[in-house]
Protein backbone atom coordinates (compact mmCIF):
# COMPACT_ATOMS: atom_id res chain seq x y z
CA MET A 1 0.00 0.00 0.00
CA SER A 2 2.92 2.35 0.55
CA ARG A 3 3.39 2.50 -3.22
CA VAL A 4 0.02 4.24 -3.35
CA TYR A 5 0.05 6.23 -0.11
CA ILE A 6 3.39 8.00 -0.50
CA PRO A 7 2.61 9.56 -3.92
CA LEU A 8 -0.90 10.49 -2.75
CA ILE A 9 0.47 12.24 0.32
CA LEU A 10 3.05 14.00 -1.85
CA PHE A 11 0.30 15.15 -4.21
CA VAL A 12 -1.73 16.55 -1.28
CA LEU A 13 1.40 18.34 0.00
CA LEU A 14 1.96 19.76 -3.50
CA ILE A 15 -1.49 21.33 -3.39
CA LEU A 16 -1.17 22.52 0.21
CA GLU A 17 2.18 24.20 -0.42
CA GLY A 18 0.43 26.68 -2.69
CA VAL A 19 -2.05 27.79 -0.03
CA SER A 20 0.04 27.25 3.10
CA ILE A 21 0.86 30.93 3.65
CA ARG A 22 -2.84 31.59 4.16
CA PHE A 23 -2.69 29.34 7.23
CA LEU A 24 -0.32 31.80 8.94
CA PRO A 25 -1.69 34.56 11.16
CA PRO A 26 -2.11 37.83 9.20
CA GLN A 27 0.47 39.64 11.36
CA ILE A 28 3.15 37.14 10.31
CA ALA A 29 2.09 36.69 6.68
CA ALA A 30 1.88 40.43 6.02
CA GLY A 31 5.33 41.12 7.49
CA ASP A 32 8.64 41.59 5.71
CA LEU A 33 9.76 37.98 6.16
CA LEU A 34 9.36 35.41 3.39
CA PHE A 35 8.27 31.90 4.37
CA ILE A 36 8.78 29.33 1.63
CA PRO A 37 7.21 25.94 2.35
CA HIS A 38 9.33 22.95 1.36
CA TRP A 39 6.86 20.39 2.71
CA ILE A 40 7.46 17.90 -0.08
CA LEU A 41 11.18 18.02 0.61
CA LEU A 42 10.66 17.46 4.34
CA PHE A 43 8.29 14.57 3.76
CA LEU A 44 10.79 13.03 1.35
CA ILE A 45 13.58 13.40 3.91
CA LEU A 46 11.51 11.25 6.26
CA VAL A 47 10.88 8.80 3.41
CA CYS A 48 14.60 8.67 2.73
CA ILE A 49 15.56 8.11 6.37
CA PHE A 50 12.83 5.70 7.46
CA TYR A 51 11.47 4.03 4.30
CA ASP A 52 14.30 3.71 1.80
CA LYS A 53 16.76 0.89 2.25
CA PRO A 54 20.48 1.43 1.49
CA ARG A 55 20.11 0.35 -2.14
CA THR A 56 16.73 1.92 -2.94
CA TYR A 57 16.22 5.48 -4.08
CA HIS A 58 12.46 6.04 -3.84
CA ALA A 59 12.93 9.47 -2.23
CA VAL A 60 15.27 10.62 -4.99
CA ILE A 61 12.85 9.52 -7.72
CA TYR A 62 9.90 11.17 -5.97
CA ALA A 63 12.01 14.33 -5.48
CA LEU A 64 12.72 14.55 -9.20
CA ILE A 65 9.07 13.97 -10.15
CA PHE A 66 7.51 16.30 -7.60
CA GLY A 67 10.26 18.89 -7.99
CA PHE A 68 9.37 19.02 -11.68
CA LEU A 69 5.67 19.37 -10.78
CA ILE A 70 6.51 22.28 -8.46
CA ASP A 71 8.44 23.89 -11.30
CA MET A 72 5.51 23.44 -13.68
CA ILE A 73 2.81 24.67 -11.29
CA TYR A 74 4.41 27.34 -9.11
CA THR A 75 7.50 28.71 -10.87
CA GLY A 76 8.40 30.08 -14.25
CA LEU A 77 11.66 28.14 -14.52
CA LEU A 78 11.59 24.43 -15.27
CA GLY A 79 14.21 22.31 -13.56
CA ALA A 80 15.25 24.45 -10.58
CA TYR A 81 13.23 22.61 -7.94
CA MET A 82 13.63 19.29 -9.72
CA PHE A 83 17.42 19.60 -9.62
CA THR A 84 17.67 20.94 -6.08
CA TYR A 85 15.19 18.49 -4.55
CA GLY A 86 16.82 15.56 -6.33
CA PHE A 87 20.28 16.68 -5.22
CA ALA A 88 19.12 17.25 -1.63
CA MET A 89 17.55 13.78 -1.50
CA TYR A 90 20.66 12.15 -2.91
CA LEU A 91 22.79 13.98 -0.33
CA THR A 92 20.35 12.94 2.42
CA HIS A 93 20.56 9.33 1.20
CA ILE A 94 24.35 9.47 1.52
CA LEU A 95 24.35 11.24 4.91
CA LYS A 96 21.80 8.89 6.49
CA ARG A 97 24.38 6.11 6.31
CA ALA A 98 26.53 7.99 8.83
CA PHE A 99 23.72 8.50 11.35
CA HIS A 100 21.14 6.42 13.14
CA GLY A 101 17.62 7.45 12.08
CA ASN A 102 15.93 9.34 14.91
CA PHE A 103 14.21 12.65 15.60
CA TYR A 104 17.38 14.70 16.04
CA VAL A 105 19.01 13.31 12.91
CA SER A 106 15.79 14.05 11.03
CA LEU A 107 15.89 17.66 12.25
CA LEU A 108 19.55 17.98 11.28
CA LEU A 109 19.08 16.51 7.81
CA ALA A 110 15.90 18.57 7.30
CA ALA A 111 17.74 21.77 8.22
CA ILE A 112 20.63 20.89 5.88
CA GLY A 113 18.30 19.84 3.06
CA THR A 114 16.07 22.90 3.38
CA ALA A 115 19.02 25.29 3.58
CA LEU A 116 20.81 23.63 0.68
CA SER A 117 17.72 23.58 -1.52
CA ASP A 118 16.75 27.16 -0.80
CA ILE A 119 20.29 28.46 -1.30
CA VAL A 120 20.71 26.62 -4.61
CA ILE A 121 17.33 27.94 -5.79
CA TYR A 122 18.38 31.46 -4.73
CA VAL A 123 21.66 31.14 -6.65
CA ILE A 124 19.89 29.86 -9.77
CA TYR A 125 17.32 32.66 -9.59
CA SER A 126 20.05 35.26 -8.98
CA VAL A 127 22.12 34.11 -11.94
CA ILE A 128 19.19 34.32 -14.37
CA GLY A 129 17.86 37.55 -12.86
CA PHE A 130 14.62 36.33 -11.23
CA THR A 131 15.63 37.87 -7.89
CA ASP A 132 17.66 40.88 -6.88
CA LEU A 133 18.07 40.24 -3.15
CA TYR A 134 21.58 40.66 -1.75
CA TRP A 135 22.95 37.68 0.17
CA THR A 136 22.62 39.29 3.62
CA GLU A 137 19.07 40.38 2.91
CA TYR A 138 18.21 36.95 1.52
CA ALA A 139 19.68 35.17 4.55
CA SER A 140 17.76 37.26 7.07
CA VAL A 141 14.49 37.81 5.21
CA ARG A 142 14.01 34.46 3.45
CA LEU A 143 16.49 31.72 4.41
CA LEU A 144 16.26 31.81 8.20
CA PRO A 145 12.43 32.13 8.35
CA THR A 146 12.11 29.37 5.74
CA ILE A 147 14.29 26.98 7.73
CA ILE A 148 12.42 27.73 10.97
CA ILE A 149 8.91 27.34 9.51
CA ASN A 150 9.88 24.12 7.75
CA LEU A 151 11.44 22.63 10.88
CA ILE A 152 8.21 23.41 12.73
CA PHE A 153 6.34 21.52 10.00
CA LEU A 154 8.73 18.58 10.38
CA VAL A 155 8.10 18.48 14.13
CA ILE A 156 4.36 18.27 13.36
CA ILE A 157 4.53 15.51 10.74
CA TYR A 158 7.31 13.43 12.32
CA PRO A 159 5.11 11.52 14.81
CA MET A 160 2.41 10.95 12.18
CA PHE A 161 4.60 9.21 9.62
CA VAL A 162 7.77 7.67 11.05
CA LYS A 163 6.21 4.48 12.45
CA ARG A 164 4.19 4.07 9.25
CA PHE A 165 7.30 4.38 7.09
CA ILE A 166 9.13 1.79 9.17
CA ARG A 167 6.16 -0.59 8.99
CA TRP A 168 5.76 -0.03 5.23
CA ARG A 169 9.48 -0.62 4.70
CA ASP A 170 9.36 -3.89 6.64
CA GLU A 171 6.20 -5.05 4.82
CA GLN A 172 7.47 -4.09 1.37
CA ASP A 173 8.40 -6.86 -1.03
CA TRP A 174 11.59 -5.40 -2.51
CA SER A 175 12.01 -8.16 -5.06
CA SER A 176 9.20 -6.89 -7.30
């Protein structure tokens, strides 16, 4: 069943990312800070840590597919999210070998993945002229609030999905 549930959850997160800012209180949403939801990335980090086995790359494949969908739906540049999400998942897949999967490792890898993805997207957008923020302004106005809001989201979804991922991984027939 996990082969059905994971893409469905990712699809729901894809839709919710577009309206997530409306869930914030008006005082926060109307401020100067930019909050960019990377919910798909965070969910895939949990998939990578708790569902993927050492020789499977489900999270990387889903990152490429849903990164491309984000590019098609929400941005004007195809490939930016697809590349960064795929790269972040591959890096997470490599780093998870060095750590035991638990809450603190998930927070660490989520912070690294979110920061890496957002910085790479910022660099891509700066090079082609989609943004004109200076690095210091970007770091204080967008990067730090984005990391904080996404880590809060991870704390919320962590207890809902980790045991399911472990159960799905153990039930999965990897030979097919």
